[in-house]
Amino acid sequence: MSTQKRLNTQITTLTECAVMLALAFALSFAKIFEMPMGGSVTIASMLPIMLISIKYGIGTGLSTAFLYSATQLVQAWMSGNVFPYCETPATLAVCILFDYVIPFTVLGLACLPKKLKLTKNTEINIYIGIVAVVLLRFICHFVTGVVIWGQWAPDGMGKYLYSFLYNGGYLGADFLICIVCASLMLRKAELRKLLHIDA
């Protein structure tokens, strides 16, 4: 590949990543429902980041997802309804890492089943990737739900159950929207070609 062609490819990749990052950020404001202490159901805001990962692989996927985590951190800080509940530097660190940086960055791993050819069907591998990264994100939020937010569990409800129901509720709905949107998009031949999905 010539230097000019390589440069053009890099510019195209950066442009697509920037557009999808901006789209994900915009969709994160399109909230169908918002939970009182963080977390919301959006219009497939995770999907653009996953698609970048699926198309370009782990390196580009993780770097784009990390930038997305930074936008979500800023969005939470601007809302003012999350960090005041973190009463110590330790809980603040846990909140930043396990509610923002790690859970949104792991979206960049959505390409792994496709890259590893977990099954012979590329489309199934894509769905497995989506399921896997959302599950990883849930685990991260579950940790903070137990460590930080569990103290606000209703009387008679343990912090583990509270965290499971709180985070599973909104994230489960968000996941279902992503899966439906992905299945509709993957019917388009143009997108399938872009993602290197066998016909």
Protein backbone atom coordinates (compact mmCIF):
# COMPACT_ATOMS: atom_id res chain seq x y z
CA MET A 1 0.00 0.00 0.00
CA SER A 2 1.40 3.40 -0.99
CA THR A 3 1.99 6.14 1.57
CA GLN A 4 -0.79 8.28 0.09
CA LYS A 5 -3.27 5.40 0.10
CA ARG A 6 -2.34 4.53 3.67
CA LEU A 7 -2.87 8.17 4.70
CA ASN A 8 -6.23 8.27 2.96
CA THR A 9 -7.27 5.08 4.75
CA GLN A 10 -6.24 6.51 8.12
CA ILE A 11 -8.16 9.72 7.46
CA THR A 12 -11.24 7.73 6.47
CA THR A 13 -10.98 5.63 9.62
CA LEU A 14 -10.57 8.68 11.87
CA THR A 15 -13.48 10.42 10.18
CA GLU A 16 -15.78 7.41 10.60
CA CYS A 17 -14.75 7.03 14.24
CA ALA A 18 -15.39 10.72 14.91
CA VAL A 19 -18.81 10.59 13.24
CA MET A 20 -19.86 7.46 15.12
CA LEU A 21 -18.55 8.85 18.39
CA ALA A 22 -20.56 12.04 17.85
CA LEU A 23 -23.63 9.97 16.94
CA ALA A 24 -23.29 7.83 20.08
CA PHE A 25 -22.91 10.96 22.20
CA ALA A 26 -25.98 12.57 20.61
CA LEU A 27 -28.04 9.40 21.06
CA SER A 28 -27.03 9.27 24.73
CA PHE A 29 -29.08 12.45 25.17
CA ALA A 30 -32.10 10.84 23.48
CA LYS A 31 -33.31 9.27 26.69
CA ILE A 32 -36.50 7.27 26.76
CA PHE A 33 -36.21 6.87 30.52
CA GLU A 34 -33.68 8.08 33.09
CA MET A 35 -33.00 6.52 36.47
CA PRO A 36 -32.76 8.80 39.54
CA MET A 37 -29.12 8.04 40.41
CA GLY A 38 -27.64 7.47 36.98
CA GLY A 39 -28.37 5.13 34.12
CA SER A 40 -30.86 5.57 31.32
CA VAL A 41 -32.61 3.87 28.44
CA THR A 42 -31.51 5.50 25.19
CA ILE A 43 -32.09 5.05 21.48
CA ALA A 44 -29.25 2.57 20.86
CA SER A 45 -26.50 4.94 21.98
CA MET A 46 -24.07 2.03 22.48
CA LEU A 47 -24.48 0.66 18.97
CA PRO A 48 -22.32 3.14 16.99
CA ILE A 49 -19.34 2.36 19.21
CA MET A 50 -19.89 -1.38 18.82
CA LEU A 51 -20.09 -1.02 15.03
CA ILE A 52 -16.75 0.79 14.94
CA SER A 53 -15.22 -2.08 16.91
CA ILE A 54 -16.83 -4.70 14.66
CA LYS A 55 -15.55 -2.98 11.53
CA TYR A 56 -12.04 -1.91 12.61
CA GLY A 57 -11.08 -4.27 15.41
CA ILE A 58 -9.90 -4.06 19.00
CA GLY A 59 -7.42 -1.19 18.83
CA THR A 60 -9.68 1.29 17.08
CA GLY A 61 -12.72 -0.03 18.91
CA LEU A 62 -11.21 0.39 22.38
CA SER A 63 -9.78 3.84 21.67
CA THR A 64 -13.13 5.08 20.33
CA ALA A 65 -14.97 3.48 23.23
CA PHE A 66 -12.58 5.08 25.73
CA LEU A 67 -13.30 8.50 24.24
CA TYR A 68 -17.00 7.69 24.50
CA SER A 69 -16.54 6.85 28.20
CA ALA A 70 -15.00 10.31 28.66
CA THR A 71 -18.06 11.95 27.09
CA GLN A 72 -20.33 9.98 29.42
CA LEU A 73 -18.25 11.02 32.41
CA VAL A 74 -18.53 14.68 31.41
CA GLN A 75 -22.26 14.27 30.80
CA ALA A 76 -22.72 12.80 34.29
CA TRP A 77 -20.65 15.56 35.87
CA MET A 78 -22.72 18.23 34.08
CA SER A 79 -25.98 16.63 35.23
CA GLY A 80 -24.87 17.01 38.85
CA ASN A 81 -26.98 14.09 40.10
CA VAL A 82 -24.33 11.38 40.42
CA PHE A 83 -21.05 12.36 42.03
CA PRO A 84 -22.52 14.17 45.08
CA TYR A 85 -23.51 10.69 46.33
CA CYS A 86 -19.86 9.60 46.38
CA GLU A 87 -18.96 10.44 49.96
CA THR A 88 -15.24 9.55 49.94
CA PRO A 89 -12.37 9.69 47.41
CA ALA A 90 -12.44 5.89 47.28
CA THR A 91 -16.13 5.71 46.35
CA LEU A 92 -15.60 8.49 43.81
CA ALA A 93 -12.77 6.50 42.21
CA VAL A 94 -14.90 3.34 42.13
CA CYS A 95 -17.77 5.30 40.57
CA ILE A 96 -15.59 6.86 37.87
CA LEU A 97 -13.92 3.57 36.98
CA PHE A 98 -16.82 1.12 37.25
CA ASP A 99 -19.72 3.35 36.21
CA TYR A 100 -18.00 5.20 33.36
CA VAL A 101 -14.45 4.44 32.21
CA ILE A 102 -14.49 0.61 32.22
CA PRO A 103 -18.14 -0.15 31.30
CA PHE A 104 -18.19 2.16 28.29
CA THR A 105 -14.67 1.26 27.15
CA VAL A 106 -15.48 -2.47 27.06
CA LEU A 107 -17.96 -1.72 24.27
CA GLY A 108 -14.86 -1.61 22.08
CA LEU A 109 -14.46 -5.37 22.53
CA ALA A 110 -17.61 -6.15 20.55
CA CYS A 111 -15.45 -7.32 17.65
CA LEU A 112 -13.84 -10.22 19.54
CA PRO A 113 -16.24 -13.08 18.64
CA LYS A 114 -16.11 -11.99 14.97
CA LYS A 115 -12.31 -11.68 15.03
CA LEU A 116 -11.88 -15.03 16.77
CA LYS A 117 -14.48 -16.65 14.48
CA LEU A 118 -16.29 -18.05 17.48
CA THR A 119 -18.86 -19.58 15.14
CA LYS A 120 -18.84 -20.07 11.38
CA ASN A 121 -21.61 -17.47 11.03
CA THR A 122 -20.20 -13.91 11.09
CA GLU A 123 -23.58 -12.34 11.88
CA ILE A 124 -24.08 -14.61 14.89
CA ASN A 125 -20.60 -13.65 16.08
CA ILE A 126 -21.62 -10.00 15.91
CA TYR A 127 -24.68 -10.65 18.06
CA ILE A 128 -22.57 -12.62 20.53
CA GLY A 129 -20.20 -9.66 20.72
CA ILE A 130 -23.04 -7.26 21.46
CA VAL A 131 -24.41 -9.53 24.18
CA ALA A 132 -20.97 -10.04 25.71
CA VAL A 133 -19.99 -6.37 25.99
CA VAL A 134 -23.36 -5.36 27.41
CA LEU A 135 -22.99 -8.15 29.99
CA LEU A 136 -19.52 -6.85 30.88
CA ARG A 137 -20.95 -3.36 31.21
CA PHE A 138 -23.68 -4.71 33.49
CA ILE A 139 -21.11 -6.41 35.73
CA CYS A 140 -19.26 -3.11 36.14
CA HIS A 141 -22.44 -1.23 37.09
CA PHE A 142 -23.45 -4.08 39.38
CA VAL A 143 -20.20 -3.59 41.32
CA THR A 144 -20.89 0.09 41.96
CA GLY A 145 -24.49 -0.74 42.73
CA VAL A 146 -23.30 -2.94 45.57
CA VAL A 147 -20.35 -0.83 46.75
CA ILE A 148 -21.90 2.67 46.48
CA TRP A 149 -25.59 2.74 45.64
CA GLY A 150 -26.67 -0.26 47.70
CA GLN A 151 -27.11 1.92 50.77
CA TRP A 152 -30.20 3.42 49.12
CA ALA A 153 -31.87 0.05 48.61
CA PRO A 154 -35.51 -0.03 49.79
CA ASP A 155 -36.11 -1.45 53.25
CA GLY A 156 -36.05 -5.22 53.21
CA MET A 157 -34.16 -5.45 49.90
CA GLY A 158 -30.51 -6.51 49.96
CA LYS A 159 -27.96 -4.39 48.11
CA TYR A 160 -27.12 -7.23 45.70
CA LEU A 161 -30.73 -7.65 44.60
CA TYR A 162 -31.17 -3.88 44.46
CA SER A 163 -28.11 -3.48 42.23
CA PHE A 164 -29.25 -6.35 39.99
CA LEU A 165 -32.75 -4.93 39.53
CA TYR A 166 -31.67 -1.28 39.23
CA ASN A 167 -28.92 -1.84 36.68
CA GLY A 168 -30.52 -4.80 34.96
CA GLY A 169 -33.72 -2.87 34.41
CA TYR A 170 -32.46 0.07 32.40
CA LEU A 171 -29.51 -1.74 30.81
CA GLY A 172 -31.68 -4.66 29.76
CA ALA A 173 -34.06 -2.30 27.96
CA ASP A 174 -31.14 -0.44 26.38
CA PHE A 175 -29.68 -3.77 25.22
CA LEU A 176 -32.96 -4.89 23.63
CA ILE A 177 -33.17 -1.63 21.67
CA CYS A 178 -29.58 -2.14 20.46
CA ILE A 179 -30.29 -5.70 19.35
CA VAL A 180 -33.44 -4.70 17.47
CA CYS A 181 -31.67 -1.79 15.75
CA ALA A 182 -28.68 -4.00 14.90
CA SER A 183 -30.89 -6.70 13.40
CA LEU A 184 -32.70 -4.11 11.26
CA MET A 185 -29.45 -2.52 10.12
CA LEU A 186 -27.83 -5.85 9.28
CA ARG A 187 -30.57 -6.50 6.75
CA LYS A 188 -28.99 -3.80 4.59
CA ALA A 189 -26.54 -5.19 2.08
CA GLU A 190 -24.42 -2.02 2.18
CA LEU A 191 -23.83 -2.28 5.92
CA ARG A 192 -23.16 -6.01 5.73
CA LYS A 193 -20.48 -5.30 3.13
CA LEU A 194 -18.92 -2.58 5.32
CA LEU A 195 -18.78 -4.97 8.28
CA HIS A 196 -17.44 -7.83 6.13
CA ILE A 197 -20.41 -10.09 6.75
CA ASP A 198 -20.75 -12.99 4.36
CA ALA A 199 -23.89 -12.87 2.27
